[in-house]
Amino acid sequence: MIGIVILAAGNGSRLNSRIPKPLMPLLGTPMIGHIVAKIPHSLPVYIITNPKHTETFSTLFPRATLLSQNAPKGTGHALTENIKALQHLSHVIVLNADTPLIPASIFKTLIQDPRDNILVGFESNSPEAYGQIKLDGQDVVGIVEARDREATNQHSSNYYYSGVMKLSQPYLSALQSTPPSSVTGEYYLTALASKSCPFAFIQQKRDLFDGINTVAELLRLEQNLRALNTEKLLEKGTILADYYSAIISPDSHIGENCQVGSNVTIKNNSRVGNGCIIGQGTLLSNAQIADGVTLLPYSVVSDTQVAKGAAIGPFAHLQGNSQIGEKAVIGNFVEIKRSTICSGVKAKHLSYLGDAYIDHHANIGAGVITCNYVPWKKQKQMTYIGEQAFVGSNCLLIAPVFIGSFSVSAAGSVITESVLPYALALSRAPFHLKVGWAEGKVRVAEE
């Protein structure tokens, strides 16, 4: 079995952030997230982190097995400290967490190549802050890291190590006997390459392995990534109002012939179908949007599925694993949470619908609230609204409650009991009118 090992224990001090470098956002997604999303699901993933960040990484990447590097003693030390956790693997593919542009194809290439130990590199004519490769014919027999090269003034070739290598189990074991650098005192993974441990060499494009160590590099890579995403979208016929302001993470997908407004954010494995309109300022996070959906400006959709032809917003908020049916209309300032909204339902204004099942073609008036929270109970209470039921404006539905199909709940009612199908529910305080009551009491405003 081949496993993927991502080295992610760096603090990224040059980024001047309290966030660990691998978790720095790049187009709305942690930079390491761009890498994890490209790894085939059939491969086990191991992330080596600083122990103090283990909980954060485990929350963000539940798919991965978390390993720790307790002291910052170099890339080689990160692996040798966890060699027992990796000894069941026939090979490991090792890469750095700060190279988010790494192509997904590299994993297939390394897996299918029958050679046991492979190093990926690139050619460059300018000095690089990467390890410089020593070649003996077609084999890599040495790598001189940048800091060591500066101290010794060595120049071996115009080929540099990308940070990606495939290691067999014997080579992984041999790493335990490699000495530290005489310049930095660190244990380099690259120190393994030698005449006694040669590597096969695969050459790739330089810009695919750009690393991030500074804020300037982070911004430059974000621009490159944005340009790549924009090119793909334009090929699909997508109309972008302003591609400089749109944040579309590479793990998300947009179908053909969509319109995307300015300041739109689409992230966390969101999927948008064909022919959709995504209005200005809309935020999609782990949202599944079917064909022909209209999302009007400043709507927020997270962890929610929206079916074909639905209209959402403006200023709507859908969350909590909700489902919105075909041609449903969720209007301005409507919040949906943990609810199923069936096809043809209309909730156009100023409502909160939480923990509810709303059946086909029901009509929800302005200001309707499902009152589903009991302070001393963890479990929220459910509201069921039947097919083609009409719930008038400003109704309060005190869950748990059942509103029957084709029933009418009159505006301003507080519904505390079940409403039978075809029934009228009316619950209001008596109306009193005292004629002339304000005379002599109300002061007329002076102009």
Protein backbone atom coordinates (compact mmCIF):
# COMPACT_ATOMS: atom_id res chain seq x y z
CA MET A 1 0.00 0.00 0.00
CA ILE A 2 1.17 3.53 -0.81
CA GLY A 3 0.48 6.35 1.64
CA ILE A 4 0.67 10.14 1.29
CA VAL A 5 2.66 12.04 3.92
CA ILE A 6 2.28 15.82 4.12
CA LEU A 7 4.88 17.73 6.12
CA ALA A 8 2.89 20.43 7.93
CA ALA A 9 4.72 21.15 11.19
CA GLY A 10 6.10 24.54 10.10
CA ASN A 11 4.98 27.64 11.99
CA GLY A 12 5.48 30.07 9.11
CA SER A 13 7.06 32.83 11.17
CA ARG A 14 7.72 34.92 8.07
CA LEU A 15 3.98 35.14 7.45
CA ASN A 16 3.59 37.00 10.78
CA SER A 17 0.43 35.10 11.68
CA ARG A 18 -0.75 33.12 14.68
CA ILE A 19 -2.34 30.68 12.25
CA PRO A 20 -0.08 27.72 11.37
CA LYS A 21 1.34 28.22 7.89
CA PRO A 22 -0.43 25.20 6.33
CA LEU A 23 -3.77 26.64 7.48
CA MET A 24 -3.27 30.10 6.00
CA PRO A 25 -6.25 30.76 3.71
CA LEU A 26 -5.74 30.72 -0.03
CA LEU A 27 -8.89 31.63 -1.97
CA GLY A 28 -10.91 30.86 1.14
CA THR A 29 -9.38 27.41 1.73
CA PRO A 30 -6.38 26.50 3.94
CA MET A 31 -3.37 26.03 1.67
CA ILE A 32 -2.98 22.40 2.76
CA GLY A 33 -6.65 21.86 1.91
CA HIS A 34 -5.85 22.47 -1.77
CA ILE A 35 -3.45 19.53 -1.60
CA VAL A 36 -5.69 17.15 0.35
CA ALA A 37 -8.53 17.74 -2.13
CA LYS A 38 -6.33 16.45 -4.97
CA ILE A 39 -5.28 13.19 -3.29
CA PRO A 40 -7.21 10.11 -4.52
CA HIS A 41 -9.62 8.88 -1.86
CA SER A 42 -8.23 5.37 -2.14
CA LEU A 43 -4.91 6.49 -0.60
CA PRO A 44 -4.35 6.93 3.14
CA VAL A 45 -3.24 10.44 4.12
CA TYR A 46 -0.88 11.27 6.99
CA ILE A 47 -0.28 14.85 8.11
CA ILE A 48 2.72 15.56 10.34
CA THR A 49 1.98 18.62 12.47
CA ASN A 50 3.12 20.50 15.52
CA PRO A 51 1.40 18.73 18.49
CA LYS A 52 -0.27 21.93 19.66
CA HIS A 53 -2.19 22.14 16.38
CA THR A 54 -3.33 18.52 16.18
CA GLU A 55 -6.90 19.20 17.30
CA THR A 56 -7.36 21.95 14.70
CA PHE A 57 -6.03 19.78 11.89
CA SER A 58 -8.15 16.79 12.94
CA THR A 59 -11.29 18.96 12.85
CA LEU A 60 -10.51 20.35 9.41
CA PHE A 61 -9.25 17.12 7.86
CA PRO A 62 -11.03 14.15 9.45
CA ARG A 63 -9.94 11.97 6.54
CA ALA A 64 -6.26 12.23 7.54
CA THR A 65 -4.26 10.44 10.22
CA LEU A 66 -2.47 13.03 12.34
CA LEU A 67 1.16 12.50 13.33
CA SER A 68 3.38 14.84 15.35
CA GLN A 69 6.83 16.36 15.15
CA ASN A 70 7.63 17.40 18.71
CA ALA A 71 10.73 19.45 17.90
CA PRO A 72 11.57 21.43 14.72
CA LYS A 73 14.64 19.45 13.69
CA GLY A 74 14.04 19.26 9.94
CA THR A 75 12.09 17.33 7.33
CA GLY A 76 14.04 14.12 7.81
CA HIS A 77 13.41 14.22 11.55
CA ALA A 78 9.66 14.62 10.91
CA LEU A 79 9.61 11.27 9.15
CA THR A 80 11.98 9.32 11.39
CA GLU A 81 10.02 10.40 14.46
CA ASN A 82 6.93 8.73 12.94
CA ILE A 83 8.56 5.80 11.19
CA LYS A 84 6.63 3.20 13.23
CA ALA A 85 3.31 4.70 12.16
CA LEU A 86 4.38 4.34 8.51
CA GLN A 87 6.11 0.97 8.58
CA HIS A 88 3.05 -0.94 7.29
CA LEU A 89 3.22 0.97 3.98
CA SER A 90 5.24 -0.33 1.03
CA HIS A 91 5.93 3.23 -0.16
CA VAL A 92 5.24 6.78 0.95
CA ILE A 93 4.84 9.85 -1.22
CA VAL A 94 6.15 12.81 0.74
CA LEU A 95 5.31 16.45 -0.03
CA ASN A 96 5.22 19.84 1.66
CA ALA A 97 2.05 21.51 2.92
CA ASP A 98 2.99 24.90 1.45
CA THR A 99 2.82 23.92 -2.26
CA PRO A 100 -0.91 24.26 -3.00
CA LEU A 101 -0.56 24.36 -6.80
CA ILE A 102 0.82 20.82 -6.97
CA PRO A 103 -1.03 19.01 -9.80
CA ALA A 104 -3.37 16.15 -8.99
CA SER A 105 -1.77 14.16 -11.82
CA ILE A 106 1.51 13.82 -9.89
CA PHE A 107 -0.02 11.23 -7.56
CA LYS A 108 -1.14 9.02 -10.44
CA THR A 109 2.27 9.41 -12.09
CA LEU A 110 4.18 8.33 -8.99
CA ILE A 111 1.83 5.47 -8.15
CA GLN A 112 1.91 3.97 -11.64
CA ASP A 113 5.68 4.33 -12.05
CA PRO A 114 7.17 0.91 -11.19
CA ARG A 115 10.40 2.42 -9.84
CA ASP A 116 10.65 2.33 -6.05
CA ASN A 117 12.33 5.65 -5.27
CA ILE A 118 11.54 8.73 -7.32
CA LEU A 119 12.29 12.41 -6.89
CA VAL A 120 10.33 15.17 -8.64
CA GLY A 121 12.23 18.27 -9.73
CA PHE A 122 12.30 21.14 -12.18
CA GLU A 123 14.83 23.09 -14.22
CA SER A 124 15.67 26.74 -13.57
CA ASN A 125 18.45 29.08 -14.66
CA SER A 126 18.26 31.31 -11.62
CA PRO A 127 19.35 30.54 -8.04
CA GLU A 128 16.46 29.08 -6.07
CA ALA A 129 15.58 28.66 -2.40
CA TYR A 130 15.20 24.95 -3.15
CA GLY A 131 17.55 22.02 -2.84
CA GLN A 132 19.88 21.77 -5.84
CA ILE A 133 20.07 18.35 -7.45
CA LYS A 134 23.24 16.40 -8.23
CA LEU A 135 22.81 14.05 -11.18
CA ASP A 136 24.79 11.00 -12.19
CA GLY A 137 23.37 10.17 -15.59
CA GLN A 138 19.62 9.82 -14.99
CA ASP A 139 19.92 9.26 -11.25
CA VAL A 140 19.79 11.79 -8.43
CA VAL A 141 22.78 11.12 -6.18
CA GLY A 142 22.68 14.22 -4.00
CA ILE A 143 20.72 17.33 -3.05
CA VAL A 144 22.29 20.46 -1.56
CA GLU A 145 19.82 22.58 0.40
CA ALA A 146 19.81 26.34 -0.18
CA ARG A 147 21.25 27.35 3.19
CA ASP A 148 24.03 24.78 2.92
CA ARG A 149 24.72 25.89 -0.65
CA GLU A 150 25.11 29.50 0.44
CA ALA A 151 27.58 28.50 3.14
CA THR A 152 29.70 26.28 0.88
CA ASN A 153 29.20 28.16 -2.42
CA GLN A 154 28.42 24.91 -4.25
CA HIS A 155 26.74 24.71 -7.64
CA SER A 156 25.77 21.28 -8.92
CA SER A 157 23.24 21.80 -11.72
CA ASN A 158 20.26 23.81 -12.89
CA TYR A 159 17.84 21.24 -11.49
CA TYR A 160 16.04 21.71 -8.19
CA TYR A 161 14.06 19.52 -5.81
CA SER A 162 10.31 20.23 -5.83
CA GLY A 163 9.63 18.85 -2.35
CA VAL A 164 7.91 15.72 -3.70
CA MET A 165 9.45 12.26 -3.54
CA LYS A 166 8.39 8.62 -3.50
CA LEU A 167 10.21 6.47 -0.92
CA SER A 168 10.32 2.71 -0.52
CA GLN A 169 10.28 1.22 2.97
CA PRO A 170 14.04 0.36 2.85
CA TYR A 171 14.88 3.98 1.97
CA LEU A 172 12.57 5.21 4.72
CA SER A 173 14.46 3.02 7.20
CA ALA A 174 17.81 4.27 5.87
CA LEU A 175 16.73 7.81 6.69
CA GLN A 176 17.34 7.05 10.39
CA SER A 177 21.10 6.88 9.82
CA THR A 178 21.51 10.12 7.83
CA PRO A 179 23.60 12.76 9.65
CA PRO A 180 22.39 16.32 10.35
CA SER A 181 23.49 19.30 8.29
CA SER A 182 26.82 20.73 9.38
CA VAL A 183 25.45 24.22 8.65
CA THR A 184 21.99 24.21 10.26
CA GLY A 185 22.06 21.11 12.46
CA GLU A 186 18.77 19.96 10.90
CA TYR A 187 18.04 16.47 9.64
CA TYR A 188 17.13 16.86 5.98
CA LEU A 189 14.96 14.42 4.10
CA THR A 190 17.05 15.34 1.04
CA ALA A 191 20.22 14.04 2.76
CA LEU A 192 19.03 10.55 1.88
CA ALA A 193 19.88 11.02 -1.81
CA SER A 194 23.37 9.66 -2.42
CA LYS A 195 25.26 7.19 -4.59
CA SER A 196 24.28 4.43 -2.18
CA CYS A 197 20.64 5.62 -2.23
CA PRO A 198 20.01 6.97 -5.75
CA PHE A 199 16.64 8.28 -6.90
CA ALA A 200 15.01 8.18 -10.31
CA PHE A 201 14.23 11.67 -11.59
CA ILE A 202 10.96 13.07 -12.95
CA GLN A 203 10.96 16.62 -14.32
CA GLN A 204 7.90 18.86 -14.00
CA LYS A 205 7.08 22.54 -14.61
CA ARG A 206 8.61 24.98 -12.15
CA ASP A 207 5.49 27.00 -11.27
CA LEU A 208 3.52 23.93 -10.15
CA PHE A 209 5.69 23.64 -7.04
CA ASP A 210 5.82 27.23 -5.85
CA GLY A 211 6.10 27.31 -2.07
CA ILE A 212 4.69 29.93 0.30
CA ASN A 213 6.93 31.43 2.97
CA THR A 214 6.03 35.13 2.87
CA VAL A 215 2.92 37.28 2.53
CA ALA A 216 4.11 38.40 -0.91
CA GLU A 217 4.37 34.77 -2.07
CA LEU A 218 0.92 34.03 -0.64
CA LEU A 219 -0.62 36.92 -2.59
CA ARG A 220 1.23 35.98 -5.79
CA LEU A 221 0.08 32.37 -5.64
CA GLU A 222 -3.47 33.45 -4.91
CA GLN A 223 -3.40 35.56 -8.06
CA ASN A 224 -2.02 32.62 -10.06
CA LEU A 225 -4.66 30.30 -8.67
CA ARG A 226 -7.41 32.83 -9.34
CA ALA A 227 -6.23 33.19 -12.94
CA LEU A 228 -6.26 29.40 -13.44
CA ASN A 229 -9.79 29.14 -12.05
CA THR A 230 -10.99 32.06 -14.17
CA GLU A 231 -9.58 30.52 -17.34
CA LYS A 232 -11.46 27.28 -16.67
CA LEU A 233 -14.71 29.14 -15.97
CA LEU A 234 -14.49 31.25 -19.11
CA GLU A 235 -14.04 28.07 -21.14
CA LYS A 236 -17.40 26.91 -19.74
CA GLY A 237 -19.16 30.10 -20.82
CA THR A 238 -19.34 31.54 -17.32
CA ILE A 239 -19.87 35.29 -17.09
CA LEU A 240 -17.83 36.85 -14.28
CA ALA A 241 -18.79 40.36 -13.25
CA ASP A 242 -15.40 40.86 -11.57
CA TYR A 243 -12.93 37.99 -11.42
CA TYR A 244 -10.59 40.03 -9.21
CA SER A 245 -13.13 40.03 -6.37
CA ALA A 246 -14.57 36.51 -6.77
CA ILE A 247 -13.14 33.86 -4.44
CA ILE A 248 -13.74 30.43 -5.92
CA SER A 249 -11.77 27.65 -4.23
CA PRO A 250 -10.38 24.93 -6.51
CA ASP A 251 -12.23 22.23 -4.57
CA SER A 252 -15.53 23.72 -5.72
CA HIS A 253 -17.21 23.30 -9.10
CA ILE A 254 -19.27 25.64 -11.28
CA GLY A 255 -21.22 24.30 -14.26
CA GLU A 256 -21.61 25.75 -17.71
CA ASN A 257 -23.18 29.09 -18.70
CA CYS A 258 -23.48 30.53 -15.19
CA GLN A 259 -23.44 34.19 -14.20
CA VAL A 260 -21.30 35.11 -11.19
CA GLY A 261 -21.56 38.55 -9.60
CA SER A 262 -18.81 40.51 -7.89
CA ASN A 263 -17.54 39.65 -4.39
CA VAL A 264 -18.94 36.11 -4.60
CA THR A 265 -17.29 33.42 -2.46
CA ILE A 266 -17.66 29.73 -3.35
CA LYS A 267 -15.71 27.30 -1.14
CA ASN A 268 -15.61 24.02 0.81
CA ASN A 269 -16.54 21.60 -1.97
CA SER A 270 -19.55 23.57 -3.18
CA ARG A 271 -21.15 22.42 -6.42
CA VAL A 272 -23.06 24.75 -8.74
CA GLY A 273 -25.03 23.36 -11.68
CA ASN A 274 -25.50 24.69 -15.19
CA GLY A 275 -27.24 27.96 -16.01
CA CYS A 276 -27.24 29.37 -12.48
CA ILE A 277 -27.23 33.03 -11.50
CA ILE A 278 -25.14 33.85 -8.43
CA GLY A 279 -25.73 37.39 -7.28
CA GLN A 280 -23.28 39.89 -5.86
CA GLY A 281 -21.88 39.13 -2.41
CA THR A 282 -23.29 35.60 -2.25
CA LEU A 283 -21.43 33.08 -0.07
CA LEU A 284 -21.58 29.34 -0.79
CA SER A 285 -19.91 26.90 1.60
CA ASN A 286 -20.39 23.16 1.09
CA ALA A 287 -23.50 24.04 -0.89
CA GLN A 288 -25.01 21.81 -3.58
CA ILE A 289 -26.79 23.99 -6.13
CA ALA A 290 -28.69 22.29 -8.97
CA ASP A 291 -29.25 23.58 -12.52
CA GLY A 292 -31.11 26.83 -13.13
CA VAL A 293 -31.03 28.14 -9.57
CA THR A 294 -31.09 31.89 -8.96
CA LEU A 295 -29.23 33.17 -5.92
CA LEU A 296 -29.98 36.86 -5.51
CA PRO A 297 -27.37 39.19 -3.94
CA TYR A 298 -25.92 38.67 -0.46
CA SER A 299 -27.41 35.27 0.20
CA VAL A 300 -25.53 32.76 2.38
CA VAL A 301 -25.91 29.05 1.66
CA SER A 302 -23.94 26.56 3.76
CA ASP A 303 -24.28 22.78 4.16
CA THR A 304 -27.47 22.91 2.11
CA GLN A 305 -28.88 21.38 -1.09
CA VAL A 306 -30.90 23.57 -3.43
CA ALA A 307 -32.90 21.79 -6.16
CA LYS A 308 -33.43 22.76 -9.77
CA GLY A 309 -35.07 26.08 -10.58
CA ALA A 310 -35.30 27.41 -7.01
CA ALA A 311 -34.98 31.14 -6.31
CA ILE A 312 -33.10 32.27 -3.21
CA GLY A 313 -32.65 35.73 -1.71
CA PRO A 314 -31.69 38.49 -1.60
CA PHE A 315 -30.23 38.38 1.93
CA ALA A 316 -31.43 34.83 2.58
CA HIS A 317 -29.56 32.47 4.92
CA LEU A 318 -29.77 28.71 4.36
CA GLN A 319 -27.80 26.42 6.67
CA GLY A 320 -27.68 23.29 8.81
CA ASN A 321 -28.11 20.49 6.24
CA SER A 322 -31.29 21.96 4.86
CA GLN A 323 -32.89 20.88 1.58
CA ILE A 324 -34.69 23.26 -0.75
CA GLY A 325 -37.03 21.71 -3.33
CA GLU A 326 -37.51 22.45 -7.02
CA LYS A 327 -38.88 25.90 -7.87
CA ALA A 328 -39.17 26.85 -4.21
CA VAL A 329 -38.89 30.57 -3.47
CA ILE A 330 -36.95 31.63 -0.37
CA GLY A 331 -37.04 35.41 -0.30
CA ASN A 332 -35.37 38.34 1.38
CA PHE A 333 -34.31 38.02 5.02
CA VAL A 334 -35.57 34.44 5.34
CA GLU A 335 -33.48 32.01 7.38
CA ILE A 336 -33.78 28.25 6.90
CA LYS A 337 -32.04 25.92 9.36
CA ARG A 338 -32.11 22.10 9.57
CA SER A 339 -35.26 22.05 7.47
CA THR A 340 -36.72 20.38 4.40
CA ILE A 341 -38.51 22.76 2.07
CA CYS A 342 -40.36 20.84 -0.65
CA SER A 343 -41.01 21.88 -4.25
CA GLY A 344 -43.03 24.97 -4.96
CA VAL A 345 -42.96 26.30 -1.39
CA LYS A 346 -42.98 30.08 -1.08
CA ALA A 347 -41.49 31.90 1.89
CA LYS A 348 -40.81 35.35 0.50
CA HIS A 349 -40.27 37.66 3.44
CA LEU A 350 -38.71 37.96 6.88
CA SER A 351 -39.17 34.46 8.30
CA TYR A 352 -37.27 31.97 10.45
CA LEU A 353 -37.98 28.34 9.60
CA GLY A 354 -35.93 25.99 11.73
CA ASP A 355 -36.31 22.24 12.30
CA ALA A 356 -39.28 22.17 9.96
CA TYR A 357 -40.70 20.01 7.19
CA ILE A 358 -42.72 22.12 4.78
CA ASP A 359 -44.62 20.12 2.19
CA HIS A 360 -45.21 20.93 -1.47
CA HIS A 361 -46.60 24.34 -2.47
CA ALA A 362 -47.20 25.59 1.07
CA ASN A 363 -47.23 29.38 1.42
CA ILE A 364 -45.43 31.01 4.33
CA GLY A 365 -46.33 34.62 5.05
CA ALA A 366 -44.04 37.42 6.17
CA GLY A 367 -42.77 37.25 9.73
CA VAL A 368 -43.61 33.58 10.35
CA ILE A 369 -41.41 31.95 13.00
CA THR A 370 -41.10 28.34 14.04
CA CYS A 371 -40.51 28.56 17.78
CA ASN A 372 -38.44 25.44 18.25
CA TYR A 373 -36.12 26.22 21.15
CA VAL A 374 -36.66 25.03 24.71
CA PRO A 375 -33.79 26.23 26.98
CA TRP A 376 -33.64 23.06 29.11
CA LYS A 377 -33.84 20.63 26.16
CA LYS A 378 -30.97 19.88 23.79
CA GLN A 379 -33.29 18.43 21.16
CA LYS A 380 -35.02 21.04 19.00
CA GLN A 381 -38.73 20.48 18.40
CA MET A 382 -40.13 19.83 14.90
CA THR A 383 -42.75 21.73 12.94
CA TYR A 384 -44.68 20.05 10.11
CA ILE A 385 -46.55 22.16 7.57
CA GLY A 386 -48.70 20.21 5.13
CA GLU A 387 -49.14 20.46 1.38
CA GLN A 388 -50.61 23.76 0.14
CA ALA A 389 -51.15 25.00 3.68
CA PHE A 390 -51.33 28.77 4.07
CA VAL A 391 -49.58 30.27 7.09
CA GLY A 392 -50.47 33.94 7.42
CA SER A 393 -48.14 36.80 8.28
CA ASN A 394 -46.66 37.01 11.78
CA CYS A 395 -47.83 33.58 12.85
CA LEU A 396 -45.84 31.96 15.65
CA LEU A 397 -45.72 28.17 15.38
CA ILE A 398 -44.91 26.73 18.81
CA ALA A 399 -43.16 23.43 18.13
CA PRO A 400 -43.85 20.59 18.18
CA VAL A 401 -46.84 21.38 16.01
CA PHE A 402 -48.63 19.92 12.98
CA ILE A 403 -50.25 22.18 10.38
CA GLY A 404 -52.52 20.11 8.14
CA SER A 405 -52.62 20.19 4.35
CA PHE A 406 -54.79 22.88 2.71
CA SER A 407 -55.36 24.53 6.09
CA VAL A 408 -55.24 28.28 6.79
CA SER A 409 -53.54 29.80 9.81
CA ALA A 410 -54.79 33.37 10.10
CA ALA A 411 -52.31 36.23 10.27
CA GLY A 412 -51.04 37.11 13.75
CA SER A 413 -52.00 33.77 15.27
CA VAL A 414 -50.02 31.87 17.87
CA ILE A 415 -50.41 28.21 16.95
CA THR A 416 -49.90 25.90 19.92
CA GLU A 417 -51.97 22.89 18.85
CA SER A 418 -52.31 20.80 15.72
CA VAL A 419 -54.36 22.24 12.85
CA LEU A 420 -56.49 19.75 10.95
CA PRO A 421 -56.40 19.62 7.14
CA TYR A 422 -58.70 22.18 5.47
CA ALA A 423 -59.28 23.90 8.84
CA LEU A 424 -58.98 27.58 9.76
CA ALA A 425 -56.79 28.29 12.78
CA LEU A 426 -57.32 31.64 14.45
CA SER A 427 -55.68 32.68 17.70
CA ARG A 428 -55.65 36.40 18.50
CA ALA A 429 -56.19 38.60 21.53
CA PRO A 430 -59.60 40.33 21.51
CA PHE A 431 -59.71 43.67 19.73
CA HIS A 432 -60.77 46.67 21.87
CA LEU A 433 -61.49 50.18 20.62
CA LYS A 434 -61.95 53.02 23.15
CA VAL A 435 -63.26 56.03 21.27
CA GLY A 436 -61.76 59.40 22.25
CA TRP A 437 -59.36 57.83 24.78
CA ALA A 438 -56.36 59.93 23.67
CA GLU A 439 -58.09 63.34 23.70
CA GLY A 440 -56.34 65.65 26.15
CA LYS A 441 -53.52 63.16 26.68
CA VAL A 442 -51.59 63.38 23.43
CA ARG A 443 -49.48 66.47 22.95
CA VAL A 444 -49.47 67.85 19.42
CA ALA A 445 -45.91 68.38 18.16
CA GLU A 446 -44.98 72.00 17.56
CA GLU A 447 -43.61 72.83 14.13
